[in-house]
Amino acid sequence: MVTEVAHLHIRENESPSFERAFYLAKQIISRMPGYIEHELLKCIEEENKYVLIVRWKKLEDHTYGFRQSAEYNEWKKLLHHFYEPFPVVEHYRKLN
């Protein structure tokens, strides 16, 4: 299993719109092959900060399967215009 982590900084005053768009976007990602689960966490101290955590069966399910799909283009249309700056996405694996 691979865990994708993205720190999201949303443009000022756009958090409610981002949350509505994410509600639609999560339906896209949850249908992708290799998807296991996700969490969207909202920062308590800063209104416009979130952390997105997505668990995939393997790295390629995210980097190739999702990122190179038609569905990813829909994801981008829904969400990418909210980010300022664009998020860094990292992948982690659990150590035994």
PDB file of N, CA and C in Angstrom:
ATOM      1  N   MET A   1       0.850  -1.184   0.000  1.00  0.00           N
ATOM      2  CA  MET A   1       0.000   0.000   0.000  1.00  0.00           C
ATOM      3  C   MET A   1       0.888   1.237   0.000  1.00  0.00           C
ATOM      4  N   VAL A   2       0.444   2.260  -0.715  1.00  0.00           N
ATOM      5  CA  VAL A   2       1.147   3.539  -0.810  1.00  0.00           C
ATOM      6  C   VAL A   2       0.199   4.634  -0.343  1.00  0.00           C
ATOM      7  N   THR A   3       0.733   5.569   0.434  1.00  0.00           N
ATOM      8  CA  THR A   3      -0.067   6.697   0.907  1.00  0.00           C
ATOM      9  C   THR A   3       0.398   7.966   0.209  1.00  0.00           C
ATOM     10  N   GLU A   4      -0.520   8.596  -0.469  1.00  0.00           N
ATOM     11  CA  GLU A   4      -0.277   9.885  -1.125  1.00  0.00           C
ATOM     12  C   GLU A   4      -0.660  10.979  -0.133  1.00  0.00           C
ATOM     13  N   VAL A   5       0.205  11.990   0.002  1.00  0.00           N
ATOM     14  CA  VAL A   5      -0.069  13.105   0.908  1.00  0.00           C
ATOM     15  C   VAL A   5       0.119  14.412   0.135  1.00  0.00           C
ATOM     16  N   ALA A   6      -0.901  15.257   0.177  1.00  0.00           N
ATOM     17  CA  ALA A   6      -0.828  16.568  -0.475  1.00  0.00           C
ATOM     18  C   ALA A   6      -1.292  17.632   0.508  1.00  0.00           C
ATOM     19  N   HIS A   7      -0.463  18.641   0.710  1.00  0.00           N
ATOM     20  CA  HIS A   7      -0.834  19.798   1.527  1.00  0.00           C
ATOM     21  C   HIS A   7      -1.444  20.825   0.589  1.00  0.00           C
ATOM     22  N   LEU A   8      -2.714  21.142   0.818  1.00  0.00           N
ATOM     23  CA  LEU A   8      -3.461  22.019  -0.075  1.00  0.00           C
ATOM     24  C   LEU A   8      -3.655  23.383   0.554  1.00  0.00           C
ATOM     25  N   HIS A   9      -3.242  24.409  -0.152  1.00  0.00           N
ATOM     26  CA  HIS A   9      -3.471  25.797   0.250  1.00  0.00           C
ATOM     27  C   HIS A   9      -4.481  26.372  -0.736  1.00  0.00           C
ATOM     28  N   ILE A  10      -5.630  26.720  -0.230  1.00  0.00           N
ATOM     29  CA  ILE A  10      -6.742  27.184  -1.061  1.00  0.00           C
ATOM     30  C   ILE A  10      -6.756  28.713  -1.091  1.00  0.00           C
ATOM     31  N   ARG A  11      -7.079  29.243  -2.252  1.00  0.00           N
ATOM     32  CA  ARG A  11      -7.148  30.709  -2.384  1.00  0.00           C
ATOM     33  C   ARG A  11      -8.087  31.289  -1.322  1.00  0.00           C
ATOM     34  N   GLU A  12      -7.748  32.457  -0.859  1.00  0.00           N
ATOM     35  CA  GLU A  12      -8.503  33.105   0.209  1.00  0.00           C
ATOM     36  C   GLU A  12      -9.986  33.220  -0.152  1.00  0.00           C
ATOM     37  N   ASN A  13     -10.828  32.928   0.832  1.00  0.00           N
ATOM     38  CA  ASN A  13     -12.293  33.003   0.717  1.00  0.00           C
ATOM     39  C   ASN A  13     -12.899  31.968  -0.235  1.00  0.00           C
ATOM     40  N   GLU A  14     -12.138  30.966  -0.634  1.00  0.00           N
ATOM     41  CA  GLU A  14     -12.646  29.956  -1.575  1.00  0.00           C
ATOM     42  C   GLU A  14     -12.844  28.584  -0.930  1.00  0.00           C
ATOM     43  N   SER A  15     -12.623  28.482   0.373  1.00  0.00           N
ATOM     44  CA  SER A  15     -12.754  27.179   1.031  1.00  0.00           C
ATOM     45  C   SER A  15     -14.135  26.552   0.871  1.00  0.00           C
ATOM     46  N   PRO A  16     -15.226  27.290   1.058  1.00  0.00           N
ATOM     47  CA  PRO A  16     -16.545  26.659   0.874  1.00  0.00           C
ATOM     48  C   PRO A  16     -16.744  26.120  -0.547  1.00  0.00           C
ATOM     49  N   SER A  17     -16.306  26.861  -1.545  1.00  0.00           N
ATOM     50  CA  SER A  17     -16.425  26.407  -2.934  1.00  0.00           C
ATOM     51  C   SER A  17     -15.537  25.195  -3.183  1.00  0.00           C
ATOM     52  N   PHE A  18     -14.337  25.207  -2.624  1.00  0.00           N
ATOM     53  CA  PHE A  18     -13.436  24.060  -2.750  1.00  0.00           C
ATOM     54  C   PHE A  18     -14.079  22.815  -2.140  1.00  0.00           C
ATOM     55  N   GLU A  19     -14.664  22.951  -0.981  1.00  0.00           N
ATOM     56  CA  GLU A  19     -15.276  21.791  -0.317  1.00  0.00           C
ATOM     57  C   GLU A  19     -16.440  21.227  -1.132  1.00  0.00           C
ATOM     58  N   ARG A  20     -17.216  22.087  -1.761  1.00  0.00           N
ATOM     59  CA  ARG A  20     -18.309  21.614  -2.612  1.00  0.00           C
ATOM     60  C   ARG A  20     -17.755  20.889  -3.840  1.00  0.00           C
ATOM     61  N   ALA A  21     -16.707  21.440  -4.423  1.00  0.00           N
ATOM     62  CA  ALA A  21     -16.083  20.809  -5.590  1.00  0.00           C
ATOM     63  C   ALA A  21     -15.430  19.482  -5.207  1.00  0.00           C
ATOM     64  N   PHE A  22     -14.834  19.428  -4.025  1.00  0.00           N
ATOM     65  CA  PHE A  22     -14.200  18.183  -3.601  1.00  0.00           C
ATOM     66  C   PHE A  22     -15.231  17.087  -3.397  1.00  0.00           C
ATOM     67  N   TYR A  23     -16.413  17.440  -2.983  1.00  0.00           N
ATOM     68  CA  TYR A  23     -17.475  16.454  -2.825  1.00  0.00           C
ATOM     69  C   TYR A  23     -17.734  15.725  -4.155  1.00  0.00           C
ATOM     70  N   LEU A  24     -17.690  16.464  -5.246  1.00  0.00           N
ATOM     71  CA  LEU A  24     -17.853  15.861  -6.573  1.00  0.00           C
ATOM     72  C   LEU A  24     -16.593  15.102  -6.987  1.00  0.00           C
ATOM     73  N   ALA A  25     -15.440  15.695  -6.722  1.00  0.00           N
ATOM     74  CA  ALA A  25     -14.170  15.094  -7.141  1.00  0.00           C
ATOM     75  C   ALA A  25     -13.889  13.771  -6.439  1.00  0.00           C
ATOM     76  N   LYS A  26     -14.314  13.646  -5.205  1.00  0.00           N
ATOM     77  CA  LYS A  26     -14.035  12.395  -4.488  1.00  0.00           C
ATOM     78  C   LYS A  26     -14.763  11.226  -5.116  1.00  0.00           C
ATOM     79  N   GLN A  27     -15.856  11.503  -5.796  1.00  0.00           N
ATOM     80  CA  GLN A  27     -16.572  10.439  -6.496  1.00  0.00           C
ATOM     81  C   GLN A  27     -15.781   9.948  -7.712  1.00  0.00           C
ATOM     82  N   ILE A  28     -14.965  10.806  -8.277  1.00  0.00           N
ATOM     83  CA  ILE A  28     -14.105  10.429  -9.403  1.00  0.00           C
ATOM     84  C   ILE A  28     -12.976   9.533  -8.911  1.00  0.00           C
ATOM     85  N   ILE A  29     -12.242   9.996  -7.919  1.00  0.00           N
ATOM     86  CA  ILE A  29     -11.062   9.259  -7.474  1.00  0.00           C
ATOM     87  C   ILE A  29     -11.434   7.921  -6.843  1.00  0.00           C
ATOM     88  N   SER A  30     -12.549   7.863  -6.188  1.00  0.00           N
ATOM     89  CA  SER A  30     -12.925   6.627  -5.489  1.00  0.00           C
ATOM     90  C   SER A  30     -13.277   5.491  -6.448  1.00  0.00           C
ATOM     91  N   ARG A  31     -13.483   5.798  -7.708  1.00  0.00           N
ATOM     92  CA  ARG A  31     -13.785   4.772  -8.714  1.00  0.00           C
ATOM     93  C   ARG A  31     -12.548   4.265  -9.444  1.00  0.00           C
ATOM     94  N   MET A  32     -11.385   4.834  -9.150  1.00  0.00           N
ATOM     95  CA  MET A  32     -10.175   4.495  -9.894  1.00  0.00           C
ATOM     96  C   MET A  32      -9.600   3.148  -9.456  1.00  0.00           C
ATOM     97  N   PRO A  33      -9.081   2.368 -10.403  1.00  0.00           N
ATOM     98  CA  PRO A  33      -8.425   1.110 -10.046  1.00  0.00           C
ATOM     99  C   PRO A  33      -7.263   1.353  -9.078  1.00  0.00           C
ATOM    100  N   GLY A  34      -7.174   0.552  -8.060  1.00  0.00           N
ATOM    101  CA  GLY A  34      -6.103   0.671  -7.081  1.00  0.00           C
ATOM    102  C   GLY A  34      -6.405   1.602  -5.921  1.00  0.00           C
ATOM    103  N   TYR A  35      -7.470   2.383  -6.017  1.00  0.00           N
ATOM    104  CA  TYR A  35      -7.869   3.279  -4.924  1.00  0.00           C
ATOM    105  C   TYR A  35      -8.335   2.438  -3.742  1.00  0.00           C
ATOM    106  N   ILE A  36      -7.890   2.832  -2.538  1.00  0.00           N
ATOM    107  CA  ILE A  36      -8.331   2.156  -1.321  1.00  0.00           C
ATOM    108  C   ILE A  36      -9.239   3.067  -0.499  1.00  0.00           C
ATOM    109  N   GLU A  37      -8.731   4.242  -0.143  1.00  0.00           N
ATOM    110  CA  GLU A  37      -9.517   5.188   0.669  1.00  0.00           C
ATOM    111  C   GLU A  37      -8.841   6.544   0.642  1.00  0.00           C
ATOM    112  N   HIS A  38      -9.554   7.545   1.144  1.00  0.00           N
ATOM    113  CA  HIS A  38      -8.964   8.884   1.252  1.00  0.00           C
ATOM    114  C   HIS A  38      -9.524   9.596   2.488  1.00  0.00           C
ATOM    115  N   GLU A  39      -8.810  10.641   2.869  1.00  0.00           N
ATOM    116  CA  GLU A  39      -9.264  11.555   3.924  1.00  0.00           C
ATOM    117  C   GLU A  39      -8.921  12.966   3.477  1.00  0.00           C
ATOM    118  N   LEU A  40      -9.804  13.901   3.705  1.00  0.00           N
ATOM    119  CA  LEU A  40      -9.515  15.314   3.517  1.00  0.00           C
ATOM    120  C   LEU A  40      -9.623  15.946   4.892  1.00  0.00           C
ATOM    121  N   LEU A  41      -8.508  16.485   5.363  1.00  0.00           N
ATOM    122  CA  LEU A  41      -8.463  17.094   6.695  1.00  0.00           C
ATOM    123  C   LEU A  41      -8.340  18.605   6.556  1.00  0.00           C
ATOM    124  N   LYS A  42      -9.136  19.342   7.337  1.00  0.00           N
ATOM    125  CA  LYS A  42      -9.095  20.807   7.312  1.00  0.00           C
ATOM    126  C   LYS A  42      -8.323  21.306   8.522  1.00  0.00           C
ATOM    127  N   CYS A  43      -7.432  22.236   8.281  1.00  0.00           N
ATOM    128  CA  CYS A  43      -6.615  22.808   9.339  1.00  0.00           C
ATOM    129  C   CYS A  43      -7.483  23.633  10.295  1.00  0.00           C
ATOM    130  N   ILE A  44      -7.232  23.485  11.562  1.00  0.00           N
ATOM    131  CA  ILE A  44      -7.969  24.238  12.579  1.00  0.00           C
ATOM    132  C   ILE A  44      -7.435  25.668  12.684  1.00  0.00           C
ATOM    133  N   GLU A  45      -6.120  25.807  12.599  1.00  0.00           N
ATOM    134  CA  GLU A  45      -5.504  27.124  12.794  1.00  0.00           C
ATOM    135  C   GLU A  45      -5.603  28.039  11.568  1.00  0.00           C
ATOM    136  N   GLU A  46      -5.617  27.461  10.376  1.00  0.00           N
ATOM    137  CA  GLU A  46      -5.646  28.277   9.159  1.00  0.00           C
ATOM    138  C   GLU A  46      -6.786  27.817   8.258  1.00  0.00           C
ATOM    139  N   GLU A  47      -7.739  28.681   8.059  1.00  0.00           N
ATOM    140  CA  GLU A  47      -8.989  28.384   7.353  1.00  0.00           C
ATOM    141  C   GLU A  47      -8.785  27.777   5.970  1.00  0.00           C
ATOM    142  N   ASN A  48      -7.752  28.189   5.259  1.00  0.00           N
ATOM    143  CA  ASN A  48      -7.575  27.797   3.869  1.00  0.00           C
ATOM    144  C   ASN A  48      -6.585  26.658   3.652  1.00  0.00           C
ATOM    145  N   LYS A  49      -6.239  25.919   4.701  1.00  0.00           N
ATOM    146  CA  LYS A  49      -5.290  24.820   4.568  1.00  0.00           C
ATOM    147  C   LYS A  49      -5.972  23.478   4.801  1.00  0.00           C
ATOM    148  N   TYR A  50      -5.586  22.505   3.972  1.00  0.00           N
ATOM    149  CA  TYR A  50      -6.112  21.145   4.057  1.00  0.00           C
ATOM    150  C   TYR A  50      -4.960  20.167   3.832  1.00  0.00           C
ATOM    151  N   VAL A  51      -5.172  18.949   4.250  1.00  0.00           N
ATOM    152  CA  VAL A  51      -4.279  17.850   3.896  1.00  0.00           C
ATOM    153  C   VAL A  51      -5.150  16.774   3.266  1.00  0.00           C
ATOM    154  N   LEU A  52      -4.740  16.337   2.083  1.00  0.00           N
ATOM    155  CA  LEU A  52      -5.417  15.240   1.412  1.00  0.00           C
ATOM    156  C   LEU A  52      -4.534  14.005   1.518  1.00  0.00           C
ATOM    157  N   ILE A  53      -5.105  12.925   2.027  1.00  0.00           N
ATOM    158  CA  ILE A  53      -4.412  11.654   2.159  1.00  0.00           C
ATOM    159  C   ILE A  53      -5.195  10.635   1.349  1.00  0.00           C
ATOM    160  N   VAL A  54      -4.506   9.984   0.404  1.00  0.00           N
ATOM    161  CA  VAL A  54      -5.149   8.960  -0.424  1.00  0.00           C
ATOM    162  C   VAL A  54      -4.306   7.698  -0.327  1.00  0.00           C
ATOM    163  N   ARG A  55      -4.958   6.595  -0.110  1.00  0.00           N
ATOM    164  CA  ARG A  55      -4.257   5.314  -0.062  1.00  0.00           C
ATOM    165  C   ARG A  55      -4.538   4.545  -1.351  1.00  0.00           C
ATOM    166  N   TRP A  56      -3.450   4.058  -1.950  1.00  0.00           N
ATOM    167  CA  TRP A  56      -3.492   3.301  -3.199  1.00  0.00           C
ATOM    168  C   TRP A  56      -2.863   1.932  -2.984  1.00  0.00           C
ATOM    169  N   LYS A  57      -3.250   0.967  -3.789  1.00  0.00           N
ATOM    170  CA  LYS A  57      -2.639  -0.359  -3.691  1.00  0.00           C
ATOM    171  C   LYS A  57      -1.155  -0.308  -4.052  1.00  0.00           C
ATOM    172  N   LYS A  58      -0.824   0.458  -5.104  1.00  0.00           N
ATOM    173  CA  LYS A  58       0.579   0.615  -5.495  1.00  0.00           C
ATOM    174  C   LYS A  58       0.783   2.005  -6.086  1.00  0.00           C
ATOM    175  N   LEU A  59       2.014   2.457  -6.114  1.00  0.00           N
ATOM    176  CA  LEU A  59       2.355   3.801  -6.580  1.00  0.00           C
ATOM    177  C   LEU A  59       1.815   4.072  -7.988  1.00  0.00           C
ATOM    178  N   GLU A  60       1.961   3.104  -8.866  1.00  0.00           N
ATOM    179  CA  GLU A  60       1.544   3.285 -10.255  1.00  0.00           C
ATOM    180  C   GLU A  60       0.035   3.487 -10.406  1.00  0.00           C
ATOM    181  N   ASP A  61      -0.736   3.022  -9.444  1.00  0.00           N
ATOM    182  CA  ASP A  61      -2.179   3.273  -9.489  1.00  0.00           C
ATOM    183  C   ASP A  61      -2.464   4.772  -9.451  1.00  0.00           C
ATOM    184  N   HIS A  62      -1.618   5.518  -8.750  1.00  0.00           N
ATOM    185  CA  HIS A  62      -1.774   6.966  -8.699  1.00  0.00           C
ATOM    186  C   HIS A  62      -1.048   7.648  -9.851  1.00  0.00           C
ATOM    187  N   THR A  63       0.258   7.364  -9.979  1.00  0.00           N
ATOM    188  CA  THR A  63       1.092   8.110 -10.912  1.00  0.00           C
ATOM    189  C   THR A  63       0.766   7.842 -12.378  1.00  0.00           C
ATOM    190  N   TYR A  64       0.345   6.641 -12.702  1.00  0.00           N
ATOM    191  CA  TYR A  64      -0.009   6.314 -14.087  1.00  0.00           C
ATOM    192  C   TYR A  64      -1.510   6.106 -14.259  1.00  0.00           C
ATOM    193  N   GLY A  65      -2.085   5.225 -13.443  1.00  0.00           N
ATOM    194  CA  GLY A  65      -3.491   4.896 -13.591  1.00  0.00           C
ATOM    195  C   GLY A  65      -4.406   6.094 -13.450  1.00  0.00           C
ATOM    196  N   PHE A  66      -4.213   6.893 -12.402  1.00  0.00           N
ATOM    197  CA  PHE A  66      -5.067   8.061 -12.183  1.00  0.00           C
ATOM    198  C   PHE A  66      -4.571   9.269 -12.953  1.00  0.00           C
ATOM    199  N   ARG A  67      -3.314   9.612 -12.787  1.00  0.00           N
ATOM    200  CA  ARG A  67      -2.788  10.844 -13.375  1.00  0.00           C
ATOM    201  C   ARG A  67      -2.813  10.868 -14.902  1.00  0.00           C
ATOM    202  N   GLN A  68      -2.854   9.723 -15.532  1.00  0.00           N
ATOM    203  CA  GLN A  68      -2.867   9.695 -17.000  1.00  0.00           C
ATOM    204  C   GLN A  68      -4.232   9.300 -17.558  1.00  0.00           C
ATOM    205  N   SER A  69      -5.251   9.408 -16.722  1.00  0.00           N
ATOM    206  CA  SER A  69      -6.597   9.019 -17.130  1.00  0.00           C
ATOM    207  C   SER A  69      -7.445  10.223 -17.546  1.00  0.00           C
ATOM    208  N   ALA A  70      -8.511   9.945 -18.266  1.00  0.00           N
ATOM    209  CA  ALA A  70      -9.490  10.987 -18.604  1.00  0.00           C
ATOM    210  C   ALA A  70     -10.147  11.523 -17.338  1.00  0.00           C
ATOM    211  N   GLU A  71     -10.317  10.655 -16.353  1.00  0.00           N
ATOM    212  CA  GLU A  71     -10.932  11.066 -15.088  1.00  0.00           C
ATOM    213  C   GLU A  71     -10.092  12.135 -14.380  1.00  0.00           C
ATOM    214  N   TYR A  72      -8.765  12.040 -14.526  1.00  0.00           N
ATOM    215  CA  TYR A  72      -7.896  13.035 -13.904  1.00  0.00           C
ATOM    216  C   TYR A  72      -8.149  14.420 -14.501  1.00  0.00           C
ATOM    217  N   ASN A  73      -8.453  14.482 -15.781  1.00  0.00           N
ATOM    218  CA  ASN A  73      -8.775  15.782 -16.389  1.00  0.00           C
ATOM    219  C   ASN A  73     -10.014  16.399 -15.749  1.00  0.00           C
ATOM    220  N   GLU A  74     -10.987  15.576 -15.414  1.00  0.00           N
ATOM    221  CA  GLU A  74     -12.179  16.069 -14.712  1.00  0.00           C
ATOM    222  C   GLU A  74     -11.812  16.542 -13.301  1.00  0.00           C
ATOM    223  N   TRP A  75     -10.979  15.774 -12.602  1.00  0.00           N
ATOM    224  CA  TRP A  75     -10.468  16.142 -11.272  1.00  0.00           C
ATOM    225  C   TRP A  75      -9.803  17.509 -11.339  1.00  0.00           C
ATOM    226  N   LYS A  76      -8.929  17.696 -12.324  1.00  0.00           N
ATOM    227  CA  LYS A  76      -8.216  18.969 -12.486  1.00  0.00           C
ATOM    228  C   LYS A  76      -9.189  20.124 -12.697  1.00  0.00           C
ATOM    229  N   LYS A  77     -10.177  19.921 -13.558  1.00  0.00           N
ATOM    230  CA  LYS A  77     -11.153  20.985 -13.831  1.00  0.00           C
ATOM    231  C   LYS A  77     -11.908  21.386 -12.567  1.00  0.00           C
ATOM    232  N   LEU A  78     -12.214  20.408 -11.737  1.00  0.00           N
ATOM    233  CA  LEU A  78     -12.951  20.697 -10.502  1.00  0.00           C
ATOM    234  C   LEU A  78     -12.106  21.385  -9.446  1.00  0.00           C
ATOM    235  N   LEU A  79     -10.823  21.020  -9.320  1.00  0.00           N
ATOM    236  CA  LEU A  79     -10.045  21.413  -8.143  1.00  0.00           C
ATOM    237  C   LEU A  79      -8.834  22.302  -8.370  1.00  0.00           C
ATOM    238  N   HIS A  80      -8.135  22.162  -9.459  1.00  0.00           N
ATOM    239  CA  HIS A  80      -6.824  22.803  -9.572  1.00  0.00           C
ATOM    240  C   HIS A  80      -6.852  24.321  -9.516  1.00  0.00           C
ATOM    241  N   HIS A  81      -7.918  24.946  -9.912  1.00  0.00           N
ATOM    242  CA  HIS A  81      -7.973  26.407  -9.882  1.00  0.00           C
ATOM    243  C   HIS A  81      -8.095  26.970  -8.456  1.00  0.00           C
ATOM    244  N   PHE A  82      -8.330  26.125  -7.471  1.00  0.00           N
ATOM    245  CA  PHE A  82      -8.427  26.585  -6.083  1.00  0.00           C
ATOM    246  C   PHE A  82      -7.065  26.720  -5.405  1.00  0.00           C
ATOM    247  N   TYR A  83      -6.022  26.069  -5.931  1.00  0.00           N
ATOM    248  CA  TYR A  83      -4.737  25.972  -5.224  1.00  0.00           C
ATOM    249  C   TYR A  83      -3.865  27.197  -5.424  1.00  0.00           C
ATOM    250  N   GLU A  84      -3.291  27.662  -4.322  1.00  0.00           N
ATOM    251  CA  GLU A  84      -2.342  28.788  -4.364  1.00  0.00           C
ATOM    252  C   GLU A  84      -1.394  28.674  -3.183  1.00  0.00           C
ATOM    253  N   PRO A  85      -0.196  28.165  -3.375  1.00  0.00           N
ATOM    254  CA  PRO A  85       0.423  27.661  -4.600  1.00  0.00           C
ATOM    255  C   PRO A  85      -0.050  26.239  -4.903  1.00  0.00           C
ATOM    256  N   PHE A  86       0.413  25.741  -6.045  1.00  0.00           N
ATOM    257  CA  PHE A  86       0.055  24.376  -6.419  1.00  0.00           C
ATOM    258  C   PHE A  86       0.697  23.412  -5.429  1.00  0.00           C
ATOM    259  N   PRO A  87      -0.030  22.381  -4.982  1.00  0.00           N
ATOM    260  CA  PRO A  87       0.486  21.498  -3.928  1.00  0.00           C
ATOM    261  C   PRO A  87       1.617  20.579  -4.389  1.00  0.00           C
ATOM    262  N   VAL A  88       2.487  20.294  -3.451  1.00  0.00           N
ATOM    263  CA  VAL A  88       3.488  19.251  -3.631  1.00  0.00           C
ATOM    264  C   VAL A  88       2.832  17.956  -3.170  1.00  0.00           C
ATOM    265  N   VAL A  89       2.929  16.930  -3.995  1.00  0.00           N
ATOM    266  CA  VAL A  89       2.347  15.631  -3.662  1.00  0.00           C
ATOM    267  C   VAL A  89       3.494  14.658  -3.409  1.00  0.00           C
ATOM    268  N   GLU A  90       3.424  13.975  -2.272  1.00  0.00           N
ATOM    269  CA  GLU A  90       4.453  13.003  -1.921  1.00  0.00           C
ATOM    270  C   GLU A  90       3.807  11.657  -1.640  1.00  0.00           C
ATOM    271  N   HIS A  91       4.606  10.613  -1.764  1.00  0.00           N
ATOM    272  CA  HIS A  91       4.135   9.258  -1.538  1.00  0.00           C
ATOM    273  C   HIS A  91       4.942   8.609  -0.426  1.00  0.00           C
ATOM    274  N   TYR A  92       4.252   7.868   0.414  1.00  0.00           N
ATOM    275  CA  TYR A  92       4.877   7.228   1.576  1.00  0.00           C
ATOM    276  C   TYR A  92       4.463   5.771   1.629  1.00  0.00           C
ATOM    277  N   ARG A  93       5.309   4.978   2.234  1.00  0.00           N
ATOM    278  CA  ARG A  93       4.968   3.586   2.491  1.00  0.00           C
ATOM    279  C   ARG A  93       5.252   3.291   3.949  1.00  0.00           C
ATOM    280  N   LYS A  94       4.486   2.396   4.497  1.00  0.00           N
ATOM    281  CA  LYS A  94       4.608   2.026   5.900  1.00  0.00           C
ATOM    282  C   LYS A  94       5.831   1.127   6.091  1.00  0.00           C
ATOM    283  N   LEU A  95       6.592   1.414   7.116  1.00  0.00           N
ATOM    284  CA  LEU A  95       7.729   0.566   7.448  1.00  0.00           C
ATOM    285  C   LEU A  95       7.276  -0.519   8.406  1.00  0.00           C
ATOM    286  N   ASN A  96       7.817  -1.679   8.249  1.00  0.00           N
ATOM    287  CA  ASN A  96       7.464  -2.797   9.150  1.00  0.00           C
ATOM    288  C   ASN A  96       8.237  -2.738  10.429  1.00  0.00           C
TER     289      ASN A  96
END
